[in-house]
Amino acid sequence: MQDDAIGKGIVLFDGECPLCQRSVRILKRLDWLGKLHFQNARDTEHLPAASVTLDHAKMLEEMHLLTPSRDVAYAGFRAFRWISWRIPVLMPFAPLMYLPGVPWLGNRVYLWVASNRLKLVPCHDGVCELPKKNSR
């Protein structure tokens, strides 16, 4: 593990997705307390050691957050909710993310944005193509 990631939550994101890159730039600027470390989930050789299984395909579908203890991983809206408790400007909104109905709605909105991100922000030369889902 990189020294600058010790004691921090690790945000695993699609480093080739323009929307993801933009979101990470914003979060980095807002992380005044230095609680987060950001890592490209496509760099599979340098993924952090964890006691939970990290599914590479799922990490490219949704942002993941690995807790500082490396024993819990949150995805999508739940990851954003965890992050919001650590970013000073988002802290006032963090309790609201637990109100009845908000997790359901937040998860639906997050999944819609994640699945449509290639349409929302231009993707050049198919570089941020999502892995195909297994058919069941």
Protein backbone atom coordinates (compact mmCIF):
# COMPACT_ATOMS: atom_id res chain seq x y z
CA MET A 1 0.00 0.00 0.00
CA GLN A 2 1.22 3.49 -0.75
CA ASP A 3 2.31 5.49 2.28
CA ASP A 4 -0.08 8.33 1.44
CA ALA A 5 -3.04 5.90 1.60
CA ILE A 6 -2.41 4.67 5.15
CA GLY A 7 -5.28 5.61 7.46
CA LYS A 8 -7.41 6.95 4.62
CA GLY A 9 -10.46 5.72 2.80
CA ILE A 10 -9.50 4.62 -0.71
CA VAL A 11 -11.78 5.79 -3.49
CA LEU A 12 -11.53 3.33 -6.39
CA PHE A 13 -12.78 4.89 -9.61
CA ASP A 14 -12.63 4.38 -13.37
CA GLY A 15 -9.54 6.39 -14.23
CA GLU A 16 -10.37 6.42 -17.93
CA CYS A 17 -13.87 7.87 -17.55
CA PRO A 18 -14.03 11.66 -18.05
CA LEU A 19 -16.99 12.06 -15.64
CA CYS A 20 -15.20 9.99 -12.99
CA GLN A 21 -11.99 12.00 -13.46
CA ARG A 22 -13.90 15.26 -13.08
CA SER A 23 -15.67 14.00 -9.96
CA VAL A 24 -12.37 12.95 -8.41
CA ARG A 25 -10.82 16.35 -9.13
CA ILE A 26 -13.71 18.00 -7.30
CA LEU A 27 -13.51 15.62 -4.35
CA LYS A 28 -9.74 16.14 -4.08
CA ARG A 29 -10.25 19.90 -3.84
CA LEU A 30 -12.90 19.43 -1.16
CA ASP A 31 -10.89 16.90 0.88
CA TRP A 32 -9.38 19.59 3.12
CA LEU A 33 -8.86 17.12 5.96
CA GLY A 34 -6.97 14.61 3.80
CA LYS A 35 -9.27 11.69 4.65
CA LEU A 36 -9.28 10.17 1.16
CA HIS A 37 -6.86 8.56 -1.23
CA PHE A 38 -7.92 8.21 -4.87
CA GLN A 39 -6.90 5.27 -6.99
CA ASN A 40 -7.63 4.18 -10.54
CA ALA A 41 -9.51 0.86 -10.35
CA ARG A 42 -8.15 -0.04 -13.79
CA ASP A 43 -4.63 -0.24 -12.32
CA THR A 44 -5.22 -3.79 -11.12
CA GLU A 45 -1.56 -4.40 -10.27
CA HIS A 46 -1.69 -1.73 -7.55
CA LEU A 47 -5.07 -2.34 -5.96
CA PRO A 48 -4.86 -2.12 -2.17
CA ALA A 49 -4.72 -5.25 -0.05
CA ALA A 50 -8.09 -5.79 1.60
CA SER A 51 -9.84 -8.43 3.66
CA VAL A 52 -12.90 -8.03 1.40
CA THR A 53 -13.09 -9.16 -2.20
CA LEU A 54 -12.90 -6.36 -4.76
CA ASP A 55 -14.64 -7.26 -8.02
CA HIS A 56 -12.83 -5.48 -10.86
CA ALA A 57 -15.85 -5.37 -13.19
CA LYS A 58 -18.08 -3.91 -10.46
CA MET A 59 -15.46 -1.29 -9.59
CA LEU A 60 -15.67 -0.07 -13.19
CA GLU A 61 -19.46 0.06 -13.03
CA GLU A 62 -19.61 2.02 -9.75
CA MET A 63 -17.14 3.94 -7.63
CA HIS A 64 -16.02 1.90 -4.62
CA LEU A 65 -14.75 3.07 -1.26
CA LEU A 66 -12.47 0.87 0.81
CA THR A 67 -12.47 1.90 4.48
CA PRO A 68 -9.19 2.77 6.24
CA SER A 69 -9.28 -0.60 8.04
CA ARG A 70 -9.59 -2.28 4.60
CA ASP A 71 -12.28 -4.63 5.87
CA VAL A 72 -15.36 -2.96 4.35
CA ALA A 73 -16.02 -1.80 0.80
CA TYR A 74 -18.95 0.39 -0.17
CA ALA A 75 -20.14 0.96 -3.74
CA GLY A 76 -22.07 3.72 -5.48
CA PHE A 77 -24.39 5.79 -3.31
CA ARG A 78 -23.21 4.05 -0.12
CA ALA A 79 -19.62 5.01 -0.99
CA PHE A 80 -20.67 8.62 -1.58
CA ARG A 81 -22.55 8.62 1.72
CA TRP A 82 -19.39 7.41 3.54
CA ILE A 83 -17.34 10.08 1.79
CA SER A 84 -19.83 12.80 2.72
CA TRP A 85 -19.07 12.31 6.43
CA ARG A 86 -15.39 13.10 5.75
CA ILE A 87 -15.68 16.10 3.40
CA PRO A 88 -16.38 19.25 5.49
CA VAL A 89 -18.60 20.95 2.91
CA LEU A 90 -20.70 17.77 2.53
CA MET A 91 -20.99 16.95 6.26
CA PRO A 92 -24.21 19.00 6.77
CA PHE A 93 -25.90 16.85 4.10
CA ALA A 94 -24.63 13.49 5.35
CA PRO A 95 -27.42 12.91 7.92
CA LEU A 96 -30.03 13.66 5.25
CA MET A 97 -28.76 10.70 3.23
CA TYR A 98 -30.24 8.36 5.85
CA LEU A 99 -33.78 9.76 5.83
CA PRO A 100 -36.47 7.30 4.73
CA GLY A 101 -36.55 7.04 0.95
CA VAL A 102 -33.30 8.94 0.39
CA PRO A 103 -31.06 5.83 0.18
CA TRP A 104 -33.47 4.24 -2.31
CA LEU A 105 -33.64 7.39 -4.44
CA GLY A 106 -29.93 8.16 -4.07
CA ASN A 107 -29.01 4.66 -5.18
CA ARG A 108 -31.33 4.85 -8.21
CA VAL A 109 -29.92 8.24 -9.24
CA TYR A 110 -26.33 7.09 -8.73
CA LEU A 111 -26.88 3.91 -10.78
CA TRP A 112 -28.56 5.89 -13.57
CA VAL A 113 -25.65 8.37 -13.73
CA ALA A 114 -23.09 5.54 -13.57
CA SER A 115 -24.74 3.54 -16.33
CA ASN A 116 -25.21 6.63 -18.55
CA ARG A 117 -21.90 8.35 -17.81
CA LEU A 118 -20.53 7.65 -21.28
CA LYS A 119 -23.46 9.56 -22.77
CA LEU A 120 -23.27 12.41 -20.24
CA VAL A 121 -19.61 13.24 -20.85
CA PRO A 122 -17.90 12.63 -24.18
CA CYS A 123 -15.74 9.54 -24.29
CA HIS A 124 -12.98 9.67 -26.86
CA ASP A 125 -12.13 6.62 -28.97
CA GLY A 126 -14.15 4.29 -26.70
CA VAL A 127 -11.43 4.51 -24.07
CA CYS A 128 -13.89 4.38 -21.17
CA GLU A 129 -16.02 1.53 -22.37
CA LEU A 130 -17.73 -0.39 -19.58
CA PRO A 131 -17.26 -4.16 -19.30
CA LYS A 132 -20.16 -6.16 -20.69
CA LYS A 133 -22.48 -7.69 -18.08
CA ASN A 134 -22.74 -11.45 -17.92
CA SER A 135 -26.09 -12.65 -19.20
CA ARG A 136 -28.01 -14.87 -16.82
